[in-house]
Amino acid sequence: MNTKNFNLDSLVGNWESINLNPTVIIYRSGESYLLSVIHMNETSKQASPATYEIQEDEDGFFINYNLKHRAISYDAKLDLLTISALGDYMRN
């Protein structure tokens, strides 16, 4: 199972957390791929997105989330997205 080398086009869409973490949306903007984490304020019921550019280095894809390097992996067989800071996500 190769979870590091994949086409970012396969990740475009909405992703729901298995661990009740914030919803993630991945989309393309020009030549870049962006990942938005949708935080929900429980008091005001307002959604506030935080958007990160998906980058790539010799270890694979990642985002800089809360000033830390967070790896992104994808299991095509299970259609499972994993973000090291947030856990596993299933396509919505």
N, C-alpha and C. Protein backbone atom coordinates (compact mmCIF):
# COMPACT_ATOMS: atom_id res chain seq x y z
N MET A 1 0.85 -1.19 0.00
CA MET A 1 0.00 0.00 0.00
C MET A 1 0.89 1.24 0.00
N ASN A 2 0.79 2.06 -1.03
CA ASN A 2 1.59 3.26 -1.13
C ASN A 2 0.71 4.46 -0.78
N THR A 3 0.97 5.06 0.37
CA THR A 3 0.14 6.18 0.82
C THR A 3 0.83 7.52 0.65
N LYS A 4 2.09 7.52 0.17
CA LYS A 4 2.82 8.78 0.03
C LYS A 4 2.75 9.34 -1.38
N ASN A 5 2.77 8.49 -2.39
CA ASN A 5 2.75 8.96 -3.77
C ASN A 5 1.36 8.76 -4.37
N PHE A 6 0.65 9.86 -4.54
CA PHE A 6 -0.68 9.83 -5.11
C PHE A 6 -0.93 11.15 -5.80
N ASN A 7 -1.93 11.18 -6.63
CA ASN A 7 -2.30 12.38 -7.35
C ASN A 7 -3.23 13.21 -6.48
N LEU A 8 -2.89 14.48 -6.27
CA LEU A 8 -3.73 15.34 -5.42
C LEU A 8 -5.14 15.51 -5.96
N ASP A 9 -5.32 15.34 -7.27
CA ASP A 9 -6.68 15.43 -7.83
C ASP A 9 -7.62 14.42 -7.18
N SER A 10 -7.08 13.27 -6.76
CA SER A 10 -7.91 12.24 -6.14
C SER A 10 -8.40 12.64 -4.75
N LEU A 11 -7.84 13.70 -4.17
CA LEU A 11 -8.24 14.14 -2.83
C LEU A 11 -9.27 15.26 -2.84
N VAL A 12 -9.52 15.85 -4.00
CA VAL A 12 -10.43 16.99 -4.08
C VAL A 12 -11.82 16.56 -3.61
N GLY A 13 -12.37 17.35 -2.67
CA GLY A 13 -13.71 17.07 -2.16
C GLY A 13 -13.82 17.35 -0.67
N ASN A 14 -14.94 16.93 -0.09
CA ASN A 14 -15.22 17.12 1.34
C ASN A 14 -14.88 15.84 2.09
N TRP A 15 -14.28 16.00 3.25
CA TRP A 15 -13.84 14.87 4.07
C TRP A 15 -14.35 15.03 5.50
N GLU A 16 -14.95 13.97 6.03
CA GLU A 16 -15.46 13.96 7.40
C GLU A 16 -14.52 13.17 8.29
N SER A 17 -14.25 13.71 9.46
CA SER A 17 -13.35 13.06 10.41
C SER A 17 -13.98 11.84 11.04
N ILE A 18 -13.20 10.78 11.16
CA ILE A 18 -13.64 9.59 11.89
C ILE A 18 -13.57 9.85 13.39
N ASN A 19 -12.68 10.77 13.80
CA ASN A 19 -12.42 11.04 15.21
C ASN A 19 -13.10 12.31 15.73
N LEU A 20 -14.13 12.79 15.01
CA LEU A 20 -14.87 14.00 15.39
C LEU A 20 -14.03 15.27 15.37
N ASN A 21 -12.99 15.28 14.55
CA ASN A 21 -12.22 16.50 14.33
C ASN A 21 -12.93 17.34 13.29
N PRO A 22 -12.49 18.58 13.06
CA PRO A 22 -13.18 19.45 12.09
C PRO A 22 -13.20 18.85 10.68
N THR A 23 -14.25 19.18 9.94
CA THR A 23 -14.38 18.78 8.54
C THR A 23 -13.27 19.41 7.72
N VAL A 24 -12.82 18.70 6.68
CA VAL A 24 -11.76 19.17 5.80
C VAL A 24 -12.29 19.22 4.37
N ILE A 25 -11.95 20.28 3.66
CA ILE A 25 -12.28 20.42 2.24
C ILE A 25 -10.96 20.61 1.49
N ILE A 26 -10.77 19.83 0.44
CA ILE A 26 -9.58 19.97 -0.40
C ILE A 26 -10.04 20.41 -1.79
N TYR A 27 -9.39 21.44 -2.31
CA TYR A 27 -9.76 21.96 -3.62
C TYR A 27 -8.53 22.53 -4.33
N ARG A 28 -8.71 22.75 -5.62
CA ARG A 28 -7.63 23.28 -6.43
C ARG A 28 -7.87 24.75 -6.70
N SER A 29 -6.80 25.53 -6.61
CA SER A 29 -6.84 26.95 -6.94
C SER A 29 -5.65 27.24 -7.85
N GLY A 30 -5.92 27.36 -9.15
CA GLY A 30 -4.82 27.53 -10.10
C GLY A 30 -3.97 26.27 -10.11
N GLU A 31 -2.68 26.42 -9.87
CA GLU A 31 -1.77 25.28 -9.83
C GLU A 31 -1.62 24.71 -8.42
N SER A 32 -2.21 25.36 -7.43
CA SER A 32 -2.07 24.94 -6.04
C SER A 32 -3.25 24.11 -5.58
N TYR A 33 -3.00 23.26 -4.60
CA TYR A 33 -4.07 22.53 -3.92
C TYR A 33 -4.13 23.07 -2.50
N LEU A 34 -5.35 23.36 -2.06
CA LEU A 34 -5.56 23.94 -0.74
C LEU A 34 -6.40 23.01 0.12
N LEU A 35 -6.12 23.02 1.40
CA LEU A 35 -6.87 22.24 2.37
C LEU A 35 -7.45 23.21 3.39
N SER A 36 -8.76 23.23 3.50
CA SER A 36 -9.42 24.09 4.48
C SER A 36 -9.98 23.22 5.60
N VAL A 37 -9.67 23.62 6.83
CA VAL A 37 -10.21 22.97 8.01
C VAL A 37 -11.34 23.85 8.49
N ILE A 38 -12.55 23.29 8.60
CA ILE A 38 -13.72 24.07 8.99
C ILE A 38 -13.98 23.88 10.48
N HIS A 39 -13.61 24.90 11.25
CA HIS A 39 -13.84 24.87 12.70
C HIS A 39 -15.23 25.43 12.99
N MET A 40 -16.00 24.76 13.82
CA MET A 40 -17.35 25.20 14.17
C MET A 40 -17.35 25.71 15.60
N ASN A 41 -17.80 26.96 15.78
CA ASN A 41 -17.94 27.53 17.12
C ASN A 41 -19.25 27.00 17.70
N GLU A 42 -19.16 26.24 18.76
CA GLU A 42 -20.36 25.61 19.34
C GLU A 42 -21.33 26.63 19.93
N THR A 43 -20.83 27.76 20.38
CA THR A 43 -21.69 28.78 20.98
C THR A 43 -22.45 29.57 19.92
N SER A 44 -21.72 30.10 18.94
CA SER A 44 -22.35 30.95 17.93
C SER A 44 -22.83 30.17 16.72
N LYS A 45 -22.42 28.89 16.60
CA LYS A 45 -22.76 28.04 15.44
C LYS A 45 -22.19 28.61 14.14
N GLN A 46 -21.15 29.43 14.24
CA GLN A 46 -20.50 30.00 13.07
C GLN A 46 -19.33 29.11 12.64
N ALA A 47 -19.21 28.89 11.35
CA ALA A 47 -18.08 28.13 10.81
C ALA A 47 -16.96 29.09 10.45
N SER A 48 -15.75 28.72 10.79
CA SER A 48 -14.60 29.54 10.41
C SER A 48 -13.53 28.64 9.79
N PRO A 49 -13.28 28.84 8.49
CA PRO A 49 -12.28 28.01 7.83
C PRO A 49 -10.87 28.54 8.05
N ALA A 50 -9.93 27.64 8.12
CA ALA A 50 -8.51 27.97 8.10
C ALA A 50 -7.95 27.20 6.91
N THR A 51 -7.26 27.89 6.01
CA THR A 51 -6.82 27.29 4.76
C THR A 51 -5.31 27.19 4.70
N TYR A 52 -4.84 26.04 4.21
CA TYR A 52 -3.41 25.75 4.13
C TYR A 52 -3.09 25.23 2.74
N GLU A 53 -1.94 25.63 2.20
CA GLU A 53 -1.51 25.10 0.91
C GLU A 53 -0.88 23.72 1.13
N ILE A 54 -1.28 22.76 0.31
CA ILE A 54 -0.67 21.44 0.36
C ILE A 54 0.67 21.53 -0.37
N GLN A 55 1.72 21.14 0.32
CA GLN A 55 3.07 21.20 -0.23
C GLN A 55 3.64 19.80 -0.31
N GLU A 56 4.75 19.67 -1.02
CA GLU A 56 5.39 18.36 -1.17
C GLU A 56 6.88 18.48 -0.95
N ASP A 57 7.45 17.49 -0.25
CA ASP A 57 8.89 17.38 -0.12
C ASP A 57 9.28 15.92 -0.37
N GLU A 58 10.50 15.56 -0.06
CA GLU A 58 10.97 14.19 -0.33
C GLU A 58 10.20 13.13 0.45
N ASP A 59 9.53 13.51 1.53
CA ASP A 59 8.77 12.56 2.34
C ASP A 59 7.31 12.43 1.91
N GLY A 60 6.85 13.30 1.02
CA GLY A 60 5.46 13.25 0.58
C GLY A 60 4.77 14.59 0.75
N PHE A 61 3.44 14.54 0.82
CA PHE A 61 2.64 15.77 0.94
C PHE A 61 2.46 16.16 2.39
N PHE A 62 2.30 17.49 2.62
CA PHE A 62 2.12 17.99 3.97
C PHE A 62 1.48 19.38 3.94
N ILE A 63 1.01 19.81 5.11
CA ILE A 63 0.60 21.20 5.33
C ILE A 63 1.33 21.69 6.56
N ASN A 64 1.45 23.00 6.69
CA ASN A 64 1.96 23.60 7.92
C ASN A 64 0.75 24.03 8.73
N TYR A 65 0.40 23.22 9.73
CA TYR A 65 -0.81 23.39 10.53
C TYR A 65 -0.40 23.78 11.94
N ASN A 66 -0.88 24.94 12.40
CA ASN A 66 -0.50 25.46 13.72
C ASN A 66 1.01 25.50 13.89
N LEU A 67 1.66 25.98 12.85
CA LEU A 67 3.12 26.16 12.81
C LEU A 67 3.89 24.85 12.87
N LYS A 68 3.24 23.73 12.56
CA LYS A 68 3.92 22.43 12.57
C LYS A 68 3.69 21.73 11.24
N HIS A 69 4.68 20.97 10.83
CA HIS A 69 4.65 20.18 9.59
C HIS A 69 3.77 18.96 9.83
N ARG A 70 2.65 18.85 9.09
CA ARG A 70 1.71 17.74 9.27
C ARG A 70 1.59 16.95 7.98
N ALA A 71 1.96 15.69 8.03
CA ALA A 71 1.95 14.82 6.86
C ALA A 71 0.53 14.50 6.42
N ILE A 72 0.37 14.35 5.11
CA ILE A 72 -0.91 13.94 4.52
C ILE A 72 -0.65 12.64 3.77
N SER A 73 -1.44 11.62 4.08
CA SER A 73 -1.33 10.37 3.34
C SER A 73 -2.73 9.95 2.89
N TYR A 74 -2.75 9.07 1.91
CA TYR A 74 -4.02 8.64 1.32
C TYR A 74 -3.94 7.17 0.96
N ASP A 75 -4.94 6.43 1.39
CA ASP A 75 -5.07 5.02 1.04
C ASP A 75 -6.19 4.91 0.00
N ALA A 76 -5.79 4.74 -1.26
CA ALA A 76 -6.77 4.72 -2.36
C ALA A 76 -7.71 3.53 -2.24
N LYS A 77 -7.23 2.41 -1.76
CA LYS A 77 -8.06 1.21 -1.65
C LYS A 77 -9.22 1.45 -0.68
N LEU A 78 -8.95 2.12 0.44
CA LEU A 78 -9.98 2.40 1.44
C LEU A 78 -10.63 3.78 1.26
N ASP A 79 -10.09 4.60 0.33
CA ASP A 79 -10.51 5.99 0.16
C ASP A 79 -10.44 6.70 1.51
N LEU A 80 -9.28 6.57 2.16
CA LEU A 80 -9.05 7.09 3.51
C LEU A 80 -7.93 8.12 3.49
N LEU A 81 -8.23 9.33 3.91
CA LEU A 81 -7.27 10.42 4.03
C LEU A 81 -6.79 10.47 5.47
N THR A 82 -5.48 10.61 5.67
CA THR A 82 -4.94 10.74 7.02
C THR A 82 -4.10 12.01 7.08
N ILE A 83 -4.40 12.85 8.08
CA ILE A 83 -3.62 14.06 8.34
C ILE A 83 -3.03 13.85 9.73
N SER A 84 -1.70 13.92 9.83
CA SER A 84 -1.03 13.51 11.07
C SER A 84 -1.54 14.25 12.30
N ALA A 85 -1.99 15.48 12.16
CA ALA A 85 -2.47 16.22 13.34
C ALA A 85 -3.92 15.94 13.67
N LEU A 86 -4.67 15.48 12.68
CA LEU A 86 -6.13 15.39 12.86
C LEU A 86 -6.70 13.98 12.74
N GLY A 87 -5.91 13.02 12.29
CA GLY A 87 -6.39 11.66 12.20
C GLY A 87 -6.95 11.30 10.84
N ASP A 88 -7.86 10.33 10.83
CA ASP A 88 -8.39 9.76 9.60
C ASP A 88 -9.70 10.43 9.17
N TYR A 89 -9.86 10.49 7.83
CA TYR A 89 -11.03 11.11 7.24
C TYR A 89 -11.60 10.23 6.13
N MET A 90 -12.92 10.16 6.07
CA MET A 90 -13.63 9.46 5.00
C MET A 90 -14.29 10.51 4.12
N ARG A 91 -14.37 10.20 2.83
CA ARG A 91 -14.97 11.14 1.88
C ARG A 91 -16.45 11.31 2.19
N ASN A 92 -16.92 12.55 2.13
CA ASN A 92 -18.33 12.85 2.41
C ASN A 92 -19.08 13.02 1.11
